[in-house]
N, C-alpha and C. Protein backbone atom coordinates (compact mmCIF):
# COMPACT_ATOMS: atom_id res chain seq x y z
N MET A 1 0.85 -1.17 0.00
CA MET A 1 0.00 0.00 0.00
C MET A 1 0.90 1.24 0.00
N ILE A 2 0.50 2.24 -0.76
CA ILE A 2 1.20 3.52 -0.81
C ILE A 2 0.38 4.54 -0.03
N ILE A 3 1.05 5.24 0.87
CA ILE A 3 0.41 6.28 1.68
C ILE A 3 1.05 7.61 1.32
N THR A 4 0.23 8.57 0.95
CA THR A 4 0.72 9.91 0.63
C THR A 4 0.11 10.89 1.60
N LEU A 5 0.96 11.74 2.18
CA LEU A 5 0.52 12.81 3.07
C LEU A 5 0.97 14.12 2.44
N ALA A 6 0.03 14.96 2.09
CA ALA A 6 0.34 16.26 1.49
C ALA A 6 -0.17 17.35 2.41
N GLN A 7 0.76 18.11 2.98
CA GLN A 7 0.37 19.19 3.89
C GLN A 7 0.28 20.50 3.11
N LEU A 8 -0.85 21.18 3.30
CA LEU A 8 -1.12 22.42 2.59
C LEU A 8 -1.42 23.53 3.58
N GLN A 9 -0.65 24.59 3.52
CA GLN A 9 -0.92 25.78 4.32
C GLN A 9 -1.60 26.77 3.39
N VAL A 10 -2.84 27.10 3.70
CA VAL A 10 -3.71 27.85 2.79
C VAL A 10 -3.80 29.31 3.23
N LYS A 11 -3.82 30.19 2.24
CA LYS A 11 -4.03 31.62 2.52
C LYS A 11 -5.42 31.78 3.13
N PRO A 12 -5.53 32.51 4.24
CA PRO A 12 -6.85 32.68 4.88
C PRO A 12 -7.91 33.20 3.92
N SER A 13 -7.55 34.12 3.06
CA SER A 13 -8.53 34.70 2.13
C SER A 13 -8.96 33.73 1.04
N GLU A 14 -8.23 32.62 0.88
CA GLU A 14 -8.52 31.65 -0.18
C GLU A 14 -9.03 30.32 0.36
N GLU A 15 -9.31 30.26 1.66
CA GLU A 15 -9.67 28.97 2.26
C GLU A 15 -10.94 28.37 1.66
N GLN A 16 -11.97 29.16 1.44
CA GLN A 16 -13.21 28.60 0.89
C GLN A 16 -13.01 28.12 -0.54
N ALA A 17 -12.28 28.88 -1.34
CA ALA A 17 -11.99 28.45 -2.72
C ALA A 17 -11.16 27.17 -2.70
N PHE A 18 -10.21 27.08 -1.79
CA PHE A 18 -9.41 25.86 -1.64
C PHE A 18 -10.30 24.67 -1.28
N LEU A 19 -11.19 24.86 -0.30
CA LEU A 19 -12.07 23.77 0.12
C LEU A 19 -12.98 23.31 -1.01
N ASP A 20 -13.48 24.25 -1.81
CA ASP A 20 -14.32 23.88 -2.95
C ASP A 20 -13.54 23.04 -3.95
N ALA A 21 -12.32 23.45 -4.27
CA ALA A 21 -11.48 22.71 -5.21
C ALA A 21 -11.07 21.36 -4.63
N ALA A 22 -10.75 21.32 -3.34
CA ALA A 22 -10.34 20.07 -2.69
C ALA A 22 -11.49 19.07 -2.65
N LYS A 23 -12.71 19.57 -2.48
CA LYS A 23 -13.87 18.67 -2.46
C LYS A 23 -14.04 17.98 -3.81
N LEU A 24 -13.87 18.72 -4.90
CA LEU A 24 -13.96 18.13 -6.24
C LEU A 24 -12.85 17.10 -6.44
N LEU A 25 -11.63 17.46 -6.04
CA LEU A 25 -10.49 16.55 -6.17
C LEU A 25 -10.71 15.28 -5.37
N THR A 26 -11.15 15.43 -4.14
CA THR A 26 -11.36 14.28 -3.26
C THR A 26 -12.41 13.34 -3.82
N LYS A 27 -13.53 13.90 -4.25
CA LYS A 27 -14.62 13.07 -4.77
C LYS A 27 -14.18 12.29 -6.01
N ALA A 28 -13.49 12.96 -6.94
CA ALA A 28 -13.03 12.28 -8.16
C ALA A 28 -11.96 11.24 -7.83
N SER A 29 -11.06 11.57 -6.92
CA SER A 29 -9.97 10.66 -6.57
C SER A 29 -10.48 9.39 -5.90
N GLN A 30 -11.53 9.51 -5.11
CA GLN A 30 -12.10 8.35 -4.43
C GLN A 30 -12.69 7.34 -5.42
N GLN A 31 -12.98 7.78 -6.63
CA GLN A 31 -13.56 6.90 -7.65
C GLN A 31 -12.49 6.20 -8.49
N GLU A 32 -11.24 6.58 -8.32
CA GLU A 32 -10.17 6.02 -9.14
C GLU A 32 -9.89 4.56 -8.80
N GLU A 33 -9.54 3.80 -9.83
CA GLU A 33 -9.11 2.43 -9.62
C GLU A 33 -7.83 2.44 -8.79
N GLY A 34 -7.79 1.63 -7.76
CA GLY A 34 -6.61 1.54 -6.91
C GLY A 34 -6.65 2.46 -5.71
N ASN A 35 -7.70 3.27 -5.58
CA ASN A 35 -7.80 4.14 -4.41
C ASN A 35 -8.43 3.37 -3.26
N VAL A 36 -7.79 3.42 -2.11
CA VAL A 36 -8.32 2.80 -0.89
C VAL A 36 -9.04 3.86 -0.06
N SER A 37 -8.43 5.05 0.02
CA SER A 37 -9.01 6.15 0.78
C SER A 37 -8.37 7.46 0.33
N TYR A 38 -9.15 8.53 0.34
CA TYR A 38 -8.65 9.85 -0.06
C TYR A 38 -9.44 10.88 0.74
N THR A 39 -8.80 11.49 1.74
CA THR A 39 -9.51 12.41 2.63
C THR A 39 -8.68 13.67 2.87
N LEU A 40 -9.37 14.73 3.25
CA LEU A 40 -8.74 15.98 3.63
C LEU A 40 -9.00 16.20 5.12
N LYS A 41 -7.94 16.45 5.87
CA LYS A 41 -8.03 16.66 7.32
C LYS A 41 -7.59 18.08 7.65
N LYS A 42 -8.31 18.72 8.56
CA LYS A 42 -7.97 20.07 9.02
C LYS A 42 -7.15 19.97 10.30
N ASP A 43 -6.02 20.67 10.34
CA ASP A 43 -5.16 20.70 11.52
C ASP A 43 -5.83 21.56 12.60
N ILE A 44 -5.99 21.02 13.79
CA ILE A 44 -6.66 21.78 14.86
C ILE A 44 -5.68 22.65 15.65
N GLU A 45 -4.39 22.52 15.39
CA GLU A 45 -3.39 23.32 16.09
C GLU A 45 -2.82 24.45 15.23
N GLN A 46 -2.84 24.28 13.92
CA GLN A 46 -2.30 25.28 13.01
C GLN A 46 -3.43 25.77 12.10
N GLU A 47 -3.77 27.03 12.24
CA GLU A 47 -4.86 27.58 11.43
C GLU A 47 -4.53 27.49 9.94
N HIS A 48 -5.56 27.26 9.16
CA HIS A 48 -5.47 27.26 7.70
C HIS A 48 -4.49 26.20 7.17
N THR A 49 -4.31 25.14 7.93
CA THR A 49 -3.42 24.05 7.53
C THR A 49 -4.24 22.77 7.40
N PHE A 50 -4.02 22.08 6.29
CA PHE A 50 -4.76 20.87 5.97
C PHE A 50 -3.78 19.78 5.54
N THR A 51 -4.20 18.53 5.70
CA THR A 51 -3.42 17.40 5.21
C THR A 51 -4.31 16.51 4.36
N MET A 52 -3.87 16.27 3.13
CA MET A 52 -4.53 15.32 2.24
C MET A 52 -3.92 13.96 2.56
N VAL A 53 -4.76 13.00 2.92
CA VAL A 53 -4.31 11.65 3.26
C VAL A 53 -4.81 10.71 2.17
N GLU A 54 -3.86 10.11 1.45
CA GLU A 54 -4.20 9.24 0.32
C GLU A 54 -3.66 7.84 0.58
N LEU A 55 -4.49 6.83 0.33
CA LEU A 55 -4.06 5.43 0.40
C LEU A 55 -4.32 4.80 -0.96
N TRP A 56 -3.29 4.19 -1.52
CA TRP A 56 -3.37 3.56 -2.84
C TRP A 56 -2.93 2.10 -2.75
N THR A 57 -3.48 1.25 -3.62
CA THR A 57 -3.13 -0.17 -3.60
C THR A 57 -1.69 -0.40 -4.01
N GLY A 58 -1.12 0.50 -4.80
CA GLY A 58 0.27 0.36 -5.24
C GLY A 58 0.76 1.64 -5.88
N MET A 59 2.05 1.65 -6.21
CA MET A 59 2.66 2.84 -6.80
C MET A 59 2.06 3.16 -8.16
N ASP A 60 1.67 2.14 -8.92
CA ASP A 60 1.07 2.40 -10.23
C ASP A 60 -0.23 3.19 -10.09
N ALA A 61 -1.04 2.87 -9.11
CA ALA A 61 -2.29 3.60 -8.88
C ALA A 61 -2.01 5.04 -8.45
N ALA A 62 -1.02 5.23 -7.60
CA ALA A 62 -0.65 6.58 -7.15
C ALA A 62 -0.14 7.41 -8.33
N GLN A 63 0.64 6.80 -9.21
CA GLN A 63 1.17 7.51 -10.38
C GLN A 63 0.05 7.86 -11.35
N ARG A 64 -0.89 6.94 -11.56
CA ARG A 64 -2.03 7.24 -12.45
C ARG A 64 -2.82 8.43 -11.89
N HIS A 65 -2.98 8.45 -10.58
CA HIS A 65 -3.69 9.57 -9.95
C HIS A 65 -2.97 10.89 -10.24
N ASN A 66 -1.65 10.90 -10.11
CA ASN A 66 -0.88 12.13 -10.34
C ASN A 66 -0.94 12.60 -11.78
N GLU A 67 -1.34 11.72 -12.69
CA GLU A 67 -1.48 12.07 -14.10
C GLU A 67 -2.93 12.35 -14.49
N SER A 68 -3.86 12.19 -13.56
CA SER A 68 -5.29 12.35 -13.87
C SER A 68 -5.64 13.81 -14.13
N ALA A 69 -6.68 14.02 -14.91
CA ALA A 69 -7.12 15.38 -15.25
C ALA A 69 -7.55 16.16 -14.01
N HIS A 70 -8.26 15.51 -13.09
CA HIS A 70 -8.73 16.24 -11.91
C HIS A 70 -7.57 16.62 -10.97
N PHE A 71 -6.55 15.77 -10.89
CA PHE A 71 -5.39 16.12 -10.07
C PHE A 71 -4.61 17.26 -10.72
N ARG A 72 -4.39 17.18 -12.02
CA ARG A 72 -3.66 18.25 -12.72
C ARG A 72 -4.41 19.58 -12.62
N ALA A 73 -5.73 19.55 -12.70
CA ALA A 73 -6.52 20.78 -12.57
C ALA A 73 -6.33 21.39 -11.19
N PHE A 74 -6.31 20.55 -10.16
CA PHE A 74 -6.10 21.05 -8.80
C PHE A 74 -4.69 21.65 -8.66
N VAL A 75 -3.69 20.97 -9.20
CA VAL A 75 -2.31 21.44 -9.12
C VAL A 75 -2.16 22.80 -9.80
N GLU A 76 -2.86 22.99 -10.90
CA GLU A 76 -2.81 24.29 -11.60
C GLU A 76 -3.37 25.41 -10.74
N LYS A 77 -4.41 25.12 -9.97
CA LYS A 77 -5.05 26.13 -9.12
C LYS A 77 -4.31 26.34 -7.80
N ALA A 78 -3.55 25.37 -7.36
CA ALA A 78 -2.95 25.38 -6.02
C ALA A 78 -2.12 26.62 -5.69
N PRO A 79 -1.31 27.15 -6.60
CA PRO A 79 -0.52 28.34 -6.22
C PRO A 79 -1.36 29.52 -5.74
N ALA A 80 -2.57 29.63 -6.22
CA ALA A 80 -3.45 30.72 -5.79
C ALA A 80 -3.93 30.52 -4.35
N PHE A 81 -3.95 29.27 -3.88
CA PHE A 81 -4.45 28.94 -2.54
C PHE A 81 -3.36 28.92 -1.48
N LEU A 82 -2.16 28.52 -1.86
CA LEU A 82 -1.13 28.18 -0.89
C LEU A 82 -0.36 29.37 -0.34
N ALA A 83 -0.16 29.37 0.97
CA ALA A 83 0.62 30.40 1.65
C ALA A 83 2.08 29.97 1.83
N ALA A 84 2.35 28.69 1.60
CA ALA A 84 3.70 28.13 1.76
C ALA A 84 3.84 26.97 0.77
N PRO A 85 5.07 26.58 0.46
CA PRO A 85 5.26 25.45 -0.45
C PRO A 85 4.58 24.18 0.07
N LEU A 86 4.05 23.42 -0.84
CA LEU A 86 3.41 22.14 -0.53
C LEU A 86 4.46 21.17 0.02
N SER A 87 4.09 20.44 1.05
CA SER A 87 4.97 19.42 1.63
C SER A 87 4.34 18.06 1.40
N VAL A 88 5.03 17.18 0.66
CA VAL A 88 4.48 15.86 0.33
C VAL A 88 5.44 14.78 0.83
N GLN A 89 4.87 13.78 1.50
CA GLN A 89 5.61 12.61 1.93
C GLN A 89 4.88 11.38 1.41
N MET A 90 5.66 10.38 0.95
CA MET A 90 5.08 9.11 0.50
C MET A 90 5.73 7.98 1.29
N PHE A 91 4.89 6.99 1.63
CA PHE A 91 5.34 5.85 2.40
C PHE A 91 4.81 4.58 1.76
N GLN A 92 5.51 3.48 1.97
CA GLN A 92 5.02 2.17 1.57
C GLN A 92 4.79 1.38 2.85
N GLY A 93 3.63 0.78 2.96
CA GLY A 93 3.32 0.03 4.17
C GLY A 93 2.24 -0.99 3.94
N GLU A 94 1.85 -1.63 5.00
CA GLU A 94 0.78 -2.62 4.93
C GLU A 94 -0.13 -2.44 6.14
N GLU A 95 -1.37 -2.78 5.96
CA GLU A 95 -2.33 -2.68 7.05
C GLU A 95 -2.07 -3.78 8.06
N LEU A 96 -2.07 -3.41 9.32
CA LEU A 96 -1.92 -4.38 10.40
C LEU A 96 -3.30 -4.69 10.95
N LYS A 97 -3.64 -5.94 11.01
CA LYS A 97 -4.94 -6.37 11.52
C LYS A 97 -4.89 -6.40 13.04
N LEU A 98 -5.77 -5.63 13.67
CA LEU A 98 -5.85 -5.60 15.12
C LEU A 98 -6.97 -6.52 15.58
N SER A 99 -6.71 -7.31 16.59
CA SER A 99 -7.76 -8.23 17.05
C SER A 99 -8.16 -7.93 18.46
């Protein structure tokens, strides 16, 4: 499983526009083949800071997502929203079954 964490610090004046664009991105991404989960989380300690949490079945699915039209459209709009450079981390892992 591929886990991607993208931290976005959003300009206060652009937060609603960011949320509207992120909602479209999230909804489309959740429909992609190979997507396990795709959510946006709001940081409760840092204002106007969000983390996109993506889970993919493999690197091929994550790469297809990065080439998708809806992802590219979001990336084109992102500079207008962001107050700081985007921070992206990717991990490879497996789900641990808790009993």
